[in-house]
Amino acid sequence: MRLKKNIALSESGFVFDPSSGDSFSLNEQAQEIISLMNAGKNIDEISGIITETYDVEQPEFEKYYYDFLGMLRQYSLIDEDE
């Protein structure tokens, strides 16, 4: 799962969807999660990296991760076929 190819993502965390004209701003953790997703990492790999890097337990991270994925799906920003 990764961002759709037409979605623009800047290094500062600005996301732009040219098909809808919507733009979003990501915090540091969301940027890292997107980067890991785009690199082909699965939930277990992403969870391991994030829980080692930030002060968050795995169950708490997974709740926020699935909420984040829900938002990405809601705005049609991810390509789930990859």
Protein backbone atom coordinates (compact mmCIF):
# COMPACT_ATOMS: atom_id res chain seq x y z
CA MET A 1 0.00 0.00 0.00
CA ARG A 2 1.35 3.41 -0.95
CA LEU A 3 0.24 6.87 -1.98
CA LYS A 4 -1.30 7.04 -5.45
CA LYS A 5 1.20 8.03 -8.12
CA ASN A 6 -0.54 11.34 -8.87
CA ILE A 7 -0.37 12.52 -5.23
CA ALA A 8 2.34 15.11 -4.64
CA LEU A 9 4.23 14.91 -1.34
CA SER A 10 6.80 17.52 -0.35
CA GLU A 11 9.66 17.01 2.09
CA SER A 12 7.92 19.38 4.49
CA GLY A 13 4.84 17.12 4.68
CA PHE A 14 2.57 18.98 2.31
CA VAL A 15 0.29 16.60 0.36
CA PHE A 16 -1.57 17.70 -2.76
CA ASP A 17 -4.19 15.70 -4.67
CA PRO A 18 -4.41 17.22 -8.17
CA SER A 19 -7.55 15.28 -9.05
CA SER A 20 -9.60 16.89 -6.25
CA GLY A 21 -7.54 20.00 -5.53
CA ASP A 22 -7.37 19.02 -1.85
CA SER A 23 -4.22 19.64 0.14
CA PHE A 24 -3.14 18.30 3.52
CA SER A 25 -0.32 18.81 5.96
CA LEU A 26 1.35 15.85 7.69
CA ASN A 27 3.21 15.84 10.97
CA GLU A 28 6.63 14.20 11.31
CA GLN A 29 5.25 10.80 12.34
CA ALA A 30 2.71 10.71 9.50
CA GLN A 31 5.46 11.62 7.02
CA GLU A 32 7.57 8.75 8.30
CA ILE A 33 4.66 6.31 8.07
CA ILE A 34 3.94 7.39 4.47
CA SER A 35 7.62 7.03 3.62
CA LEU A 36 7.69 3.51 5.08
CA MET A 37 4.47 2.57 3.27
CA ASN A 38 5.90 3.87 -0.02
CA ALA A 39 9.01 1.78 0.62
CA GLY A 40 6.81 -1.34 0.72
CA LYS A 41 6.99 -1.96 4.46
CA ASN A 42 4.14 -3.93 6.05
CA ILE A 43 2.31 -3.08 9.30
CA ASP A 44 4.65 -5.19 11.44
CA GLU A 45 7.76 -3.52 10.03
CA ILE A 46 6.24 -0.04 10.31
CA SER A 47 5.07 -0.73 13.87
CA GLY A 48 8.53 -1.93 14.89
CA ILE A 49 10.26 1.13 13.47
CA ILE A 50 7.80 3.66 14.90
CA THR A 51 7.63 2.11 18.38
CA GLU A 52 11.43 2.05 18.55
CA THR A 53 11.74 5.65 17.37
CA TYR A 54 8.90 7.28 19.31
CA ASP A 55 7.51 6.86 22.82
CA VAL A 56 4.48 4.76 21.86
CA GLU A 57 3.42 1.19 22.64
CA GLN A 58 2.47 -1.18 19.82
CA PRO A 59 -1.29 -1.41 20.60
CA GLU A 60 -1.57 2.37 20.78
CA PHE A 61 0.42 2.79 17.56
CA GLU A 62 -1.73 0.27 15.71
CA LYS A 63 -4.92 2.11 16.72
CA TYR A 64 -3.53 5.40 15.39
CA TYR A 65 -2.12 3.67 12.29
CA TYR A 66 -5.49 2.20 11.31
CA ASP A 67 -7.20 5.54 12.00
CA PHE A 68 -4.62 7.21 9.74
CA LEU A 69 -5.19 4.60 7.00
CA GLY A 70 -8.91 5.24 7.30
CA MET A 71 -8.36 8.94 6.64
CA LEU A 72 -6.09 8.20 3.67
CA ARG A 73 -8.79 5.91 2.26
CA GLN A 74 -11.54 8.46 2.92
CA TYR A 75 -9.69 11.03 0.82
CA SER A 76 -8.71 8.41 -1.81
CA LEU A 77 -4.99 9.06 -1.38
CA ILE A 78 -3.70 5.49 -1.29
CA ASP A 79 -3.39 2.78 -3.88
CA GLU A 80 -4.25 -0.43 -2.09
CA ASP A 81 -3.49 -2.66 -5.07
CA GLU A 82 0.25 -2.24 -4.69
